[in-house]
N, C-alpha and C. Protein backbone atom coordinates (compact mmCIF):
# COMPACT_ATOMS: atom_id res chain seq x y z
N MET A 1 -4.62 -34.17 -50.28
CA MET A 1 -5.25 -34.54 -51.16
C MET A 1 -6.90 -35.64 -50.59
N ALA A 2 -7.92 -35.77 -50.96
CA ALA A 2 -9.03 -36.29 -50.53
C ALA A 2 -8.85 -37.69 -50.83
N ASN A 3 -9.66 -38.42 -49.68
CA ASN A 3 -9.36 -39.96 -50.32
C ASN A 3 -10.71 -40.64 -49.98
N PHE A 4 -10.99 -41.50 -50.85
CA PHE A 4 -12.40 -42.25 -51.01
C PHE A 4 -12.25 -43.68 -50.45
N ASP A 5 -12.68 -44.35 -49.63
CA ASP A 5 -12.32 -45.62 -49.44
C ASP A 5 -13.57 -46.49 -50.49
N LEU A 6 -13.40 -47.79 -50.58
CA LEU A 6 -14.12 -48.68 -50.89
C LEU A 6 -15.58 -48.59 -51.03
N SER A 7 -16.23 -47.99 -50.12
CA SER A 7 -17.71 -47.81 -50.50
C SER A 7 -18.08 -46.22 -50.68
N GLY A 8 -17.16 -45.70 -51.31
CA GLY A 8 -17.47 -44.25 -51.87
C GLY A 8 -17.54 -43.38 -50.71
N THR A 9 -17.15 -43.51 -49.59
CA THR A 9 -17.56 -42.47 -48.65
C THR A 9 -16.24 -41.43 -48.18
N TYR A 10 -16.47 -40.27 -48.51
CA TYR A 10 -15.37 -39.34 -48.30
C TYR A 10 -14.69 -39.53 -46.72
N GLN A 11 -13.54 -39.30 -46.82
CA GLN A 11 -12.51 -39.49 -45.70
C GLN A 11 -11.57 -37.93 -46.13
N SER A 12 -11.56 -37.33 -44.86
CA SER A 12 -10.85 -36.28 -44.60
C SER A 12 -9.27 -36.24 -44.60
N PRO A 13 -8.63 -35.61 -45.08
CA PRO A 13 -7.19 -35.70 -45.24
C PRO A 13 -6.60 -35.70 -43.85
N GLN A 14 -5.72 -36.46 -43.65
CA GLN A 14 -5.02 -36.77 -42.25
C GLN A 14 -3.65 -36.12 -42.48
N PHE A 15 -3.21 -34.93 -41.80
CA PHE A 15 -2.02 -34.13 -41.62
C PHE A 15 -1.13 -35.01 -40.61
N GLY A 16 -0.09 -35.18 -40.71
CA GLY A 16 1.28 -35.70 -40.10
C GLY A 16 1.84 -34.34 -39.44
N ALA A 17 2.57 -34.31 -38.73
CA ALA A 17 3.45 -33.53 -37.94
C ALA A 17 4.15 -32.67 -39.18
N GLY A 18 4.54 -33.47 -40.34
CA GLY A 18 5.42 -32.98 -40.91
C GLY A 18 4.75 -31.88 -42.01
N ASP A 19 3.27 -32.24 -42.15
CA ASP A 19 2.64 -31.18 -42.80
C ASP A 19 2.39 -29.90 -42.57
N GLY A 20 2.76 -29.33 -41.11
CA GLY A 20 2.88 -27.98 -40.51
C GLY A 20 1.46 -27.44 -40.25
N ALA A 21 0.33 -28.45 -40.02
CA ALA A 21 -0.98 -28.22 -40.00
C ALA A 21 -1.60 -28.38 -38.21
N VAL A 22 -0.55 -28.84 -37.60
CA VAL A 22 -0.85 -29.00 -36.37
C VAL A 22 -0.60 -27.92 -35.60
N ALA A 23 -1.62 -27.41 -34.65
CA ALA A 23 -1.28 -26.40 -34.03
C ALA A 23 -0.64 -26.31 -33.12
N PRO A 24 0.50 -25.26 -32.83
CA PRO A 24 1.66 -25.49 -31.52
C PRO A 24 0.92 -25.84 -30.19
N SER A 25 1.46 -26.49 -29.25
CA SER A 25 0.83 -26.65 -27.98
C SER A 25 0.44 -24.90 -27.16
N GLY A 26 1.52 -24.32 -27.36
CA GLY A 26 1.94 -22.81 -26.85
C GLY A 26 0.70 -21.91 -27.35
N HIS A 27 0.27 -22.05 -28.73
CA HIS A 27 -0.72 -21.29 -29.00
C HIS A 27 -2.24 -22.14 -28.61
N ILE A 28 -2.62 -23.13 -28.11
CA ILE A 28 -3.59 -23.63 -27.66
C ILE A 28 -3.79 -23.38 -26.29
N GLU A 29 -2.27 -23.14 -25.44
CA GLU A 29 -2.55 -22.73 -24.51
C GLU A 29 -3.06 -21.26 -24.08
N GLU A 30 -2.58 -20.53 -25.19
CA GLU A 30 -2.58 -19.09 -24.98
C GLU A 30 -4.21 -18.80 -25.49
N SER A 31 -4.70 -19.47 -26.32
CA SER A 31 -6.05 -19.46 -26.41
C SER A 31 -6.90 -19.85 -25.16
N GLN A 32 -6.81 -20.84 -24.72
CA GLN A 32 -7.50 -21.44 -23.45
C GLN A 32 -7.32 -20.36 -22.39
N GLY A 33 -6.00 -19.66 -22.51
CA GLY A 33 -5.88 -18.68 -21.37
C GLY A 33 -6.72 -17.40 -21.46
N LEU A 34 -6.87 -16.76 -23.21
CA LEU A 34 -7.81 -15.89 -23.06
C LEU A 34 -9.44 -16.05 -23.30
N GLN A 35 -9.80 -17.56 -23.35
CA GLN A 35 -10.77 -18.05 -22.66
C GLN A 35 -11.19 -17.89 -21.53
N GLY A 36 -10.36 -18.29 -20.68
CA GLY A 36 -10.44 -18.10 -19.42
C GLY A 36 -10.56 -16.88 -18.65
N ARG A 37 -10.04 -15.95 -19.36
CA ARG A 37 -9.92 -14.49 -18.70
C ARG A 37 -11.31 -13.79 -19.36
N CYS A 38 -12.06 -14.34 -20.05
CA CYS A 38 -13.24 -13.77 -21.03
C CYS A 38 -14.47 -13.68 -19.98
N THR A 39 -14.99 -12.15 -19.64
CA THR A 39 -15.90 -12.26 -18.69
C THR A 39 -17.43 -11.67 -19.42
N LEU A 40 -17.65 -12.03 -20.54
CA LEU A 40 -18.68 -12.39 -21.12
C LEU A 40 -19.94 -13.35 -21.22
N ASP A 41 -19.50 -14.30 -20.39
CA ASP A 41 -20.40 -15.53 -20.07
C ASP A 41 -20.64 -15.63 -18.72
N GLU A 42 -20.02 -14.59 -17.77
CA GLU A 42 -20.18 -14.84 -16.31
C GLU A 42 -21.16 -14.30 -15.79
N PRO A 43 -21.44 -14.83 -14.59
CA PRO A 43 -23.13 -14.44 -14.14
C PRO A 43 -23.37 -12.95 -13.58
N VAL A 44 -24.21 -12.35 -14.04
CA VAL A 44 -24.52 -10.99 -13.61
C VAL A 44 -24.16 -10.71 -12.33
N THR A 45 -24.28 -11.20 -11.15
CA THR A 45 -24.13 -11.49 -9.76
C THR A 45 -22.51 -11.32 -9.49
N GLU A 46 -21.52 -11.95 -10.30
CA GLU A 46 -20.35 -11.90 -10.31
C GLU A 46 -19.67 -10.85 -10.96
N THR A 47 -20.24 -10.18 -11.77
CA THR A 47 -19.78 -9.13 -12.29
C THR A 47 -20.06 -7.82 -11.43
N ILE A 48 -21.06 -7.82 -10.72
CA ILE A 48 -21.32 -6.77 -9.81
C ILE A 48 -20.68 -6.99 -8.71
N MET A 49 -20.40 -7.73 -8.12
CA MET A 49 -19.86 -8.24 -7.08
C MET A 49 -17.97 -7.84 -7.33
N ARG A 50 -17.78 -8.15 -8.43
CA ARG A 50 -16.52 -7.80 -8.80
C ARG A 50 -16.29 -6.24 -8.89
N ASP A 51 -17.38 -5.70 -9.45
CA ASP A 51 -17.35 -4.15 -9.26
C ASP A 51 -17.34 -3.53 -8.00
N LEU A 52 -17.99 -4.12 -6.95
CA LEU A 52 -18.26 -3.48 -5.88
C LEU A 52 -16.99 -3.80 -5.22
N ARG A 53 -16.19 -4.54 -5.29
CA ARG A 53 -15.08 -5.02 -4.52
C ARG A 53 -13.69 -3.78 -5.19
N SER A 54 -14.10 -3.72 -6.65
CA SER A 54 -12.95 -2.45 -6.88
C SER A 54 -13.51 -1.34 -6.40
N ILE A 55 -14.59 -0.94 -6.32
CA ILE A 55 -14.91 0.13 -5.63
C ILE A 55 -14.62 0.34 -4.02
N GLY A 56 -14.83 -0.78 -3.15
CA GLY A 56 -14.01 -0.80 -2.18
C GLY A 56 -13.02 -0.68 -1.84
N THR A 57 -12.18 -1.36 -2.77
CA THR A 57 -10.80 -1.27 -2.42
C THR A 57 -9.99 0.39 -3.15
N LYS A 58 -10.80 1.22 -3.83
CA LYS A 58 -10.72 2.37 -3.70
C LYS A 58 -11.06 3.26 -2.76
N LEU A 59 -11.92 3.13 -2.28
CA LEU A 59 -12.47 3.58 -1.28
C LEU A 59 -11.61 3.75 0.08
N LYS A 60 -10.74 2.13 0.13
CA LYS A 60 -9.89 2.27 1.28
C LYS A 60 -8.60 3.02 0.86
N TYR A 61 -8.48 3.06 -0.35
CA TYR A 61 -6.92 3.83 -0.57
C TYR A 61 -7.30 5.34 -0.16
N VAL A 62 -8.60 5.74 -0.35
CA VAL A 62 -9.02 7.38 -0.10
C VAL A 62 -9.01 7.54 1.53
N MET A 63 -9.72 6.32 2.40
CA MET A 63 -9.78 6.65 3.49
C MET A 63 -8.30 6.49 4.60
N LEU A 64 -7.54 5.39 3.99
CA LEU A 64 -6.29 5.02 4.59
C LEU A 64 -4.99 5.73 3.40
N PRO A 65 -4.51 7.08 2.96
CA PRO A 65 -4.10 7.84 2.26
C PRO A 65 -2.71 7.42 2.41
N ARG A 66 -2.41 7.56 3.79
CA ARG A 66 -0.98 7.40 4.31
C ARG A 66 -0.12 5.85 4.06
N ALA A 67 -1.35 4.94 4.74
CA ALA A 67 -0.97 3.94 4.73
C ALA A 67 -0.93 2.99 3.70
N ARG A 68 -1.02 3.29 2.58
CA ARG A 68 -0.46 2.66 1.01
C ARG A 68 0.59 2.57 0.81
N ALA A 69 1.38 1.56 0.51
CA ALA A 69 2.80 1.55 0.47
C ALA A 69 2.94 1.32 -1.25
N ASP A 70 1.94 1.15 -1.83
CA ASP A 70 2.17 1.19 -3.31
C ASP A 70 1.99 2.36 -4.03
N LYS A 71 2.03 3.48 -3.69
CA LYS A 71 1.72 4.42 -3.97
C LYS A 71 0.23 5.05 -4.60
N GLY A 72 -0.58 3.90 -4.20
CA GLY A 72 -2.18 4.17 -4.50
C GLY A 72 -2.30 3.71 -5.93
N SER A 73 -1.73 2.74 -6.36
CA SER A 73 -1.85 1.93 -7.60
C SER A 73 -2.96 1.46 -8.00
N GLY A 74 -3.83 1.31 -6.55
CA GLY A 74 -5.33 0.96 -7.13
C GLY A 74 -6.34 1.98 -7.51
N LEU A 75 -5.80 3.38 -7.47
CA LEU A 75 -6.51 4.55 -8.18
C LEU A 75 -6.14 4.60 -9.27
N ARG A 76 -5.43 4.09 -9.53
CA ARG A 76 -4.46 4.14 -11.13
C ARG A 76 -5.49 3.54 -12.28
N GLU A 77 -6.53 2.45 -11.72
CA GLU A 77 -7.22 1.50 -12.44
C GLU A 77 -8.77 2.35 -12.07
N TRP A 78 -8.69 3.40 -13.15
CA TRP A 78 -10.33 4.44 -13.23
C TRP A 78 -11.64 3.45 -13.60
N ASP A 79 -12.37 4.22 -12.85
CA ASP A 79 -13.86 3.74 -13.04
C ASP A 79 -14.34 5.19 -12.63
N LEU A 80 -15.56 5.12 -13.27
CA LEU A 80 -16.53 6.38 -12.88
C LEU A 80 -17.78 5.71 -12.24
N TRP A 81 -18.15 4.44 -11.89
CA TRP A 81 -19.35 4.07 -11.24
C TRP A 81 -18.98 4.62 -9.60
N GLY A 82 -18.12 4.56 -9.27
CA GLY A 82 -17.76 4.82 -7.87
C GLY A 82 -17.92 6.19 -7.49
N PRO A 83 -17.41 7.27 -8.23
CA PRO A 83 -17.85 8.78 -8.01
C PRO A 83 -19.09 9.26 -8.76
N LEU A 84 -19.77 8.31 -9.53
CA LEU A 84 -20.87 8.51 -9.55
C LEU A 84 -22.48 8.20 -8.59
N VAL A 85 -21.71 7.27 -7.85
CA VAL A 85 -22.57 6.68 -6.68
C VAL A 85 -22.51 7.75 -5.46
N LEU A 86 -21.04 8.22 -5.22
CA LEU A 86 -20.96 9.37 -4.37
C LEU A 86 -21.49 10.63 -4.50
N CYS A 87 -21.35 11.08 -6.02
CA CYS A 87 -21.92 12.11 -6.33
C CYS A 87 -23.53 12.08 -6.03
N LEU A 88 -24.18 10.92 -6.40
CA LEU A 88 -25.83 10.75 -6.34
C LEU A 88 -25.75 10.89 -4.62
N ALA A 89 -25.42 10.25 -3.83
CA ALA A 89 -25.41 9.88 -2.55
C ALA A 89 -25.47 11.43 -1.91
N LEU A 90 -24.65 11.98 -2.09
CA LEU A 90 -23.95 13.55 -1.64
C LEU A 90 -25.41 14.50 -2.17
N GLY A 91 -25.89 14.47 -3.46
CA GLY A 91 -26.71 15.47 -4.11
C GLY A 91 -28.19 14.57 -3.36
N ILE A 92 -28.22 13.76 -2.84
CA ILE A 92 -29.82 13.08 -2.27
C ILE A 92 -29.85 13.95 -0.51
N MET A 93 -28.63 13.74 -0.36
CA MET A 93 -28.55 14.01 1.62
C MET A 93 -28.61 15.51 1.45
N LEU A 94 -27.89 16.24 0.57
CA LEU A 94 -28.26 17.95 0.47
C LEU A 94 -29.52 18.48 0.43
N SER A 95 -30.36 17.73 -0.87
CA SER A 95 -31.29 17.97 -1.24
C SER A 95 -32.62 17.76 -0.74
N MET A 96 -32.42 16.50 0.68
CA MET A 96 -33.34 16.17 1.75
C MET A 96 -33.87 17.66 2.70
N ARG A 97 -32.79 18.49 2.74
CA ARG A 97 -32.79 19.57 3.61
C ARG A 97 -33.29 20.77 3.25
N ALA A 98 -32.78 21.08 1.71
CA ALA A 98 -32.98 22.03 1.04
C ALA A 98 -34.48 22.71 0.92
N GLU A 99 -34.49 23.85 0.68
CA GLU A 99 -35.56 24.46 0.05
C GLU A 99 -36.39 24.27 -0.97
N GLN A 100 -35.42 23.93 -2.12
CA GLN A 100 -35.54 23.99 -3.57
C GLN A 100 -34.61 22.47 -3.61
N ALA A 101 -35.16 21.40 -3.60
CA ALA A 101 -34.49 20.04 -3.52
C ALA A 101 -33.79 20.01 -4.94
N SER A 102 -34.34 20.25 -5.72
CA SER A 102 -33.96 20.00 -7.61
C SER A 102 -33.00 20.80 -7.70
N LEU A 103 -32.72 22.01 -7.34
CA LEU A 103 -31.67 22.88 -7.29
C LEU A 103 -30.49 22.35 -6.55
N ALA A 104 -30.78 22.06 -5.47
CA ALA A 104 -29.45 21.68 -4.54
C ALA A 104 -28.98 20.62 -5.38
N PHE A 105 -29.59 19.39 -5.46
CA PHE A 105 -29.13 18.22 -6.36
C PHE A 105 -28.47 18.54 -7.59
N ALA A 106 -28.94 19.42 -8.20
CA ALA A 106 -28.23 19.74 -9.58
C ALA A 106 -27.20 20.87 -9.12
N LEU A 107 -26.82 21.22 -8.46
CA LEU A 107 -25.86 22.42 -8.05
C LEU A 107 -24.81 21.21 -7.49
N VAL A 108 -24.81 19.97 -6.57
CA VAL A 108 -23.94 19.25 -6.26
C VAL A 108 -22.98 18.34 -7.42
N PHE A 109 -24.33 18.04 -8.27
CA PHE A 109 -23.90 17.52 -9.46
C PHE A 109 -22.98 18.43 -10.49
N VAL A 110 -23.16 19.70 -10.69
CA VAL A 110 -22.63 20.43 -11.54
C VAL A 110 -21.14 20.48 -10.91
N ILE A 111 -20.99 20.91 -9.67
CA ILE A 111 -19.93 21.10 -8.90
C ILE A 111 -18.93 20.06 -9.15
N VAL A 112 -19.42 18.90 -8.67
CA VAL A 112 -18.27 17.76 -8.64
C VAL A 112 -18.03 17.33 -9.80
N TRP A 113 -18.95 17.15 -10.95
CA TRP A 113 -18.46 16.77 -12.21
C TRP A 113 -17.46 18.09 -12.91
N VAL A 114 -18.13 19.11 -13.26
CA VAL A 114 -17.45 20.38 -13.68
C VAL A 114 -16.42 20.74 -13.16
N GLY A 115 -16.27 20.49 -11.51
CA GLY A 115 -15.11 21.10 -10.95
C GLY A 115 -13.96 19.99 -11.50
N SER A 116 -14.40 18.95 -11.24
CA SER A 116 -13.29 17.94 -11.53
C SER A 116 -12.91 17.75 -12.65
N GLY A 117 -13.55 18.07 -13.49
CA GLY A 117 -13.36 18.34 -15.16
C GLY A 117 -12.17 19.41 -15.03
N ILE A 118 -12.40 20.45 -14.43
CA ILE A 118 -11.51 21.65 -14.54
C ILE A 118 -10.13 21.46 -13.78
N VAL A 119 -10.10 20.88 -12.70
CA VAL A 119 -9.25 20.59 -12.17
C VAL A 119 -8.57 19.86 -12.95
N THR A 120 -8.89 18.59 -13.43
CA THR A 120 -8.01 17.45 -14.48
C THR A 120 -7.53 18.18 -15.61
N LEU A 121 -8.39 19.29 -16.30
CA LEU A 121 -7.47 19.81 -17.09
C LEU A 121 -6.53 20.59 -17.03
N ASN A 122 -6.36 21.47 -15.87
CA ASN A 122 -5.49 22.04 -15.08
C ASN A 122 -4.30 21.31 -14.99
N ALA A 123 -4.36 20.10 -14.60
CA ALA A 123 -3.05 18.95 -14.24
C ALA A 123 -2.79 18.87 -16.01
N VAL A 124 -3.53 18.41 -16.58
CA VAL A 124 -2.95 17.86 -17.86
C VAL A 124 -2.42 19.01 -18.52
N LEU A 125 -2.71 20.27 -18.40
CA LEU A 125 -2.15 21.51 -19.06
C LEU A 125 -0.53 21.93 -18.12
N LEU A 126 -0.45 21.20 -17.25
CA LEU A 126 0.71 21.35 -16.47
C LEU A 126 1.36 20.22 -16.76
N LYS A 127 1.33 19.39 -17.47
CA LYS A 127 2.23 18.11 -18.16
C LYS A 127 2.10 17.11 -16.98
N GLY A 128 1.18 16.86 -16.45
CA GLY A 128 0.78 15.87 -15.42
C GLY A 128 0.83 14.26 -15.80
N LYS A 129 1.29 13.47 -15.33
CA LYS A 129 1.14 12.42 -15.88
C LYS A 129 0.34 11.53 -15.61
N ILE A 130 -0.99 12.26 -16.13
CA ILE A 130 -2.28 11.43 -15.75
C ILE A 130 -3.08 11.58 -16.94
N SER A 131 -4.07 10.62 -17.11
CA SER A 131 -4.96 10.69 -18.03
C SER A 131 -6.34 11.40 -17.21
N PHE A 132 -7.11 12.07 -18.45
CA PHE A 132 -8.23 12.85 -17.97
C PHE A 132 -9.25 11.95 -16.90
N PHE A 133 -9.70 10.72 -17.24
CA PHE A 133 -10.68 10.07 -16.62
C PHE A 133 -9.90 9.71 -15.56
N GLN A 134 -8.54 9.25 -15.09
CA GLN A 134 -8.11 8.94 -14.30
C GLN A 134 -8.33 9.82 -12.88
N SER A 135 -7.85 10.94 -13.58
CA SER A 135 -7.80 12.14 -12.32
C SER A 135 -9.33 12.21 -12.15
N VAL A 136 -10.22 12.27 -12.75
CA VAL A 136 -11.54 12.40 -12.83
C VAL A 136 -12.14 11.08 -11.69
N CYS A 137 -11.44 10.04 -11.70
CA CYS A 137 -11.93 9.10 -10.77
C CYS A 137 -11.32 9.52 -9.59
N VAL A 138 -10.01 9.89 -9.43
CA VAL A 138 -9.43 9.89 -7.92
C VAL A 138 -10.20 11.06 -7.12
N LEU A 139 -10.45 12.55 -8.00
CA LEU A 139 -11.14 13.22 -7.29
C LEU A 139 -12.57 13.06 -7.03
N GLY A 140 -12.95 12.21 -7.53
CA GLY A 140 -14.67 11.70 -7.49
C GLY A 140 -14.79 10.74 -6.25
N TYR A 141 -13.60 9.79 -6.38
CA TYR A 141 -13.27 8.91 -4.92
C TYR A 141 -12.82 9.64 -3.58
N CYS A 142 -12.65 10.87 -3.90
CA CYS A 142 -11.75 11.27 -2.54
C CYS A 142 -13.10 12.22 -1.94
N ILE A 143 -14.06 12.50 -2.46
CA ILE A 143 -14.95 13.33 -1.85
C ILE A 143 -15.90 12.18 -0.80
N PHE A 144 -15.46 10.91 -0.71
CA PHE A 144 -16.28 9.98 -0.06
C PHE A 144 -16.24 10.41 1.67
N PRO A 145 -14.74 11.11 2.12
CA PRO A 145 -14.64 11.55 3.54
C PRO A 145 -15.85 12.84 3.96
N LEU A 146 -16.39 13.77 2.43
CA LEU A 146 -17.43 14.74 2.71
C LEU A 146 -18.57 14.00 2.68
N VAL A 147 -18.85 12.91 2.08
CA VAL A 147 -20.38 12.31 2.08
C VAL A 147 -20.68 11.80 3.28
N ILE A 148 -19.52 11.21 3.84
CA ILE A 148 -19.79 10.66 5.41
C ILE A 148 -19.98 11.77 6.30
N ALA A 149 -19.14 13.17 6.19
CA ALA A 149 -19.56 14.23 6.89
C ALA A 149 -20.89 14.59 6.69
N ALA A 150 -21.56 14.69 5.32
CA ALA A 150 -22.73 14.89 5.28
C ALA A 150 -23.83 14.21 5.98
N PHE A 151 -23.40 12.91 5.69
CA PHE A 151 -24.55 12.00 6.33
C PHE A 151 -24.37 12.34 8.18
N CYS A 152 -23.43 12.39 8.52
CA CYS A 152 -23.50 12.62 9.94
C CYS A 152 -24.15 13.61 10.26
N SER A 153 -23.89 15.10 9.63
CA SER A 153 -24.62 16.00 9.75
C SER A 153 -25.93 15.94 9.67
N LEU A 154 -26.55 15.09 8.70
CA LEU A 154 -28.09 15.09 8.26
C LEU A 154 -28.56 14.29 9.72
N LEU A 155 -27.74 13.04 10.22
CA LEU A 155 -28.25 12.73 11.59
C LEU A 155 -28.57 13.21 12.92
N LEU A 156 -27.32 14.00 13.10
CA LEU A 156 -27.17 14.85 14.28
C LEU A 156 -27.72 16.24 14.18
N GLN A 157 -27.65 16.91 13.24
CA GLN A 157 -28.31 18.24 12.75
C GLN A 157 -27.84 19.29 13.98
N VAL A 158 -26.82 19.55 14.63
CA VAL A 158 -25.93 20.20 15.44
C VAL A 158 -25.18 20.94 14.66
N ILE A 159 -25.05 22.11 14.90
CA ILE A 159 -24.39 23.34 14.09
C ILE A 159 -22.81 22.95 14.53
N TRP A 160 -22.30 23.03 15.70
CA TRP A 160 -21.05 22.73 16.01
C TRP A 160 -20.54 21.69 15.28
N LEU A 161 -21.45 20.47 15.61
CA LEU A 161 -20.61 19.36 15.46
C LEU A 161 -20.79 19.09 13.76
N LYS A 162 -21.72 19.80 12.83
CA LYS A 162 -21.50 19.94 11.56
C LYS A 162 -20.51 20.56 11.04
N VAL A 163 -19.95 21.50 11.81
CA VAL A 163 -18.65 22.39 11.55
C VAL A 163 -17.50 21.12 11.63
N ILE A 164 -17.64 20.54 12.69
CA ILE A 164 -16.11 19.42 12.85
C ILE A 164 -16.44 18.45 11.97
N PHE A 165 -17.48 18.00 11.67
CA PHE A 165 -17.49 16.45 10.91
C PHE A 165 -17.05 17.16 8.99
N VAL A 166 -17.65 18.81 8.95
CA VAL A 166 -17.19 19.17 7.62
C VAL A 166 -15.57 19.25 7.36
N CYS A 167 -15.26 20.14 8.88
CA CYS A 167 -13.72 20.38 8.70
C CYS A 167 -12.62 18.91 8.40
N VAL A 168 -13.05 17.75 9.43
CA VAL A 168 -12.53 16.69 9.32
C VAL A 168 -12.52 15.76 8.15
N GLY A 169 -14.03 15.78 7.41
CA GLY A 169 -13.89 15.21 6.12
C GLY A 169 -13.17 16.03 4.85
N PHE A 170 -13.25 17.45 4.82
CA PHE A 170 -12.50 18.41 4.30
C PHE A 170 -11.05 17.75 4.08
N THR A 171 -10.52 17.98 5.39
CA THR A 171 -8.67 17.53 5.66
C THR A 171 -8.52 16.10 5.08
N TRP A 172 -9.27 15.33 5.11
CA TRP A 172 -9.30 13.86 4.75
C TRP A 172 -9.29 14.06 3.20
N ALA A 173 -10.31 14.57 2.71
CA ALA A 173 -10.45 14.57 1.15
C ALA A 173 -9.18 15.18 0.46
N THR A 174 -8.81 16.35 1.22
CA THR A 174 -7.81 17.28 0.65
C THR A 174 -6.58 16.40 0.64
N GLY A 175 -6.31 15.77 1.66
CA GLY A 175 -4.81 14.72 1.92
C GLY A 175 -5.04 13.85 0.89
N ALA A 176 -6.23 12.99 0.99
CA ALA A 176 -5.89 11.96 -0.04
C ALA A 176 -5.50 12.41 -1.66
N SER A 177 -6.35 13.16 -1.81
CA SER A 177 -6.35 13.71 -3.17
C SER A 177 -4.98 14.35 -3.72
N VAL A 178 -4.59 15.25 -2.47
CA VAL A 178 -3.39 15.88 -3.01
C VAL A 178 -2.01 14.92 -2.85
N ALA A 179 -2.12 14.06 -2.19
CA ALA A 179 -0.79 13.04 -2.01
C ALA A 179 -1.13 12.36 -3.16
N PHE A 180 -2.21 12.03 -3.98
CA PHE A 180 -2.23 11.06 -4.99
C PHE A 180 -1.86 12.01 -6.36
N MET A 181 -2.26 13.47 -6.45
CA MET A 181 -2.13 14.33 -7.35
C MET A 181 -0.50 14.82 -7.50
N ALA A 182 -0.12 15.10 -6.58
CA ALA A 182 1.07 15.37 -6.06
C ALA A 182 2.33 14.79 -6.98
N GLU A 183 2.18 13.30 -6.87
CA GLU A 183 3.05 12.30 -7.45
C GLU A 183 3.13 12.54 -9.16
N LEU A 184 2.12 12.71 -9.30
CA LEU A 184 2.13 12.97 -11.02
C LEU A 184 2.09 14.02 -11.56
N LEU A 185 2.76 15.18 -10.69
CA LEU A 185 3.04 16.36 -11.53
C LEU A 185 4.42 17.06 -11.26
N PRO A 186 4.74 17.92 -12.47
CA PRO A 186 6.13 17.93 -12.44
C PRO A 186 6.57 18.75 -11.00
N GLU A 187 7.72 18.43 -10.86
CA GLU A 187 8.30 18.94 -9.70
C GLU A 187 8.07 20.77 -9.27
N ASP A 188 8.25 21.30 -10.04
CA ASP A 188 8.24 23.06 -10.03
C ASP A 188 6.80 23.39 -10.52
N ARG A 189 5.66 22.32 -10.80
CA ARG A 189 4.42 22.91 -11.03
C ARG A 189 3.36 22.32 -9.82
N LYS A 190 3.84 21.63 -8.76
CA LYS A 190 3.06 21.20 -8.14
C LYS A 190 1.82 21.86 -7.28
N ALA A 191 2.16 23.14 -6.55
CA ALA A 191 1.51 24.02 -6.16
C ALA A 191 0.59 24.65 -7.23
N LEU A 192 0.67 24.69 -8.78
CA LEU A 192 -0.44 25.21 -9.57
C LEU A 192 -1.20 24.03 -9.78
N GLY A 193 -0.83 22.66 -9.47
CA GLY A 193 -1.64 21.74 -9.75
C GLY A 193 -2.65 21.46 -8.44
N VAL A 194 -1.85 21.57 -7.21
CA VAL A 194 -2.74 21.55 -5.98
C VAL A 194 -3.63 22.05 -5.29
N TYR A 195 -3.30 23.64 -5.98
CA TYR A 195 -4.21 24.55 -5.16
C TYR A 195 -5.77 24.44 -5.69
N PRO A 196 -6.08 24.17 -7.13
CA PRO A 196 -7.65 24.16 -7.70
C PRO A 196 -8.18 23.03 -6.91
N VAL A 197 -7.40 21.84 -6.80
CA VAL A 197 -7.88 20.53 -5.97
C VAL A 197 -8.34 20.62 -4.55
N TRP A 198 -7.46 21.91 -4.02
CA TRP A 198 -7.97 22.73 -2.70
C TRP A 198 -9.46 23.33 -2.77
N LEU A 199 -9.53 24.01 -3.70
CA LEU A 199 -10.55 25.12 -3.98
C LEU A 199 -11.92 23.94 -4.60
N PHE A 200 -11.55 22.96 -5.21
CA PHE A 200 -12.69 21.92 -5.41
C PHE A 200 -13.26 21.52 -3.86
N TYR A 201 -12.36 20.84 -3.12
CA TYR A 201 -13.08 20.60 -2.09
C TYR A 201 -13.56 21.35 -0.92
N VAL A 202 -13.06 22.63 -1.14
CA VAL A 202 -13.43 24.04 -0.24
C VAL A 202 -15.12 24.38 -0.85
N ALA A 203 -14.90 24.03 -2.36
CA ALA A 203 -16.55 24.58 -2.36
C ALA A 203 -17.76 23.43 -2.51
N ILE A 204 -16.98 21.97 -2.07
CA ILE A 204 -17.94 21.11 -1.71
C ILE A 204 -18.24 21.21 0.00
N ALA A 205 -17.16 21.16 0.47
CA ALA A 205 -17.36 21.59 2.06
C ALA A 205 -18.44 22.84 2.46
N TRP A 206 -18.13 23.67 1.54
CA TRP A 206 -19.11 24.80 2.05
C TRP A 206 -20.48 24.48 1.23
N LEU A 207 -20.77 23.96 0.87
CA LEU A 207 -22.04 23.46 0.34
C LEU A 207 -22.82 22.43 1.22
N ILE A 208 -21.99 21.98 1.84
CA ILE A 208 -22.33 20.97 2.80
C ILE A 208 -22.91 21.91 3.98
N LEU A 209 -21.58 22.92 4.34
CA LEU A 209 -22.10 23.73 5.50
C LEU A 209 -23.39 24.70 5.46
N ILE A 210 -23.63 25.24 4.29
CA ILE A 210 -24.62 25.93 4.12
C ILE A 210 -25.87 25.20 3.69
N SER A 211 -26.17 23.86 3.77
CA SER A 211 -27.08 23.25 3.37
C SER A 211 -28.05 22.92 4.50
């Protein structure tokens, strides 16, 4: 009930512990914890650095597929920024030496994204325990060795070195992606799920060789 003092000033009602209006300390701590995890008010540079660290972690899983002890849990937190950057880098490098630069760039873009989508759809139809965007993320990050091969081929421009770079990049990319995808497919359908992954990287490797 509202109270007025002798001067006529309004005083808000004071509730005691027995009135049930005091927020529990646990609720207050929980609210503070949620506010502490909020990233809406963080600086833009901090957001960019956090994304770059996440991309770097996923690239480490790709480059060291046999050394990861946690079954590639870092790749399960999917994002599409890394695959987009790698796809753009590969497209730019291959279009630099192509007679029709725009066609080469578009071909890389279509093969990477449409190909990864088809491979992902195949894995989903085979009852794989993986989400669509998670699979696209893994396949996109695993082209990183082929991007390195394309970059080395662009610098040296020696045909036999180019073949070696592409073969190594293809082997590395295939090993990294197959090791991850095979863990999420049923035991009796792993071959059906892994074979399209191999074809996907064969197409990208061949595109680098003929560029």
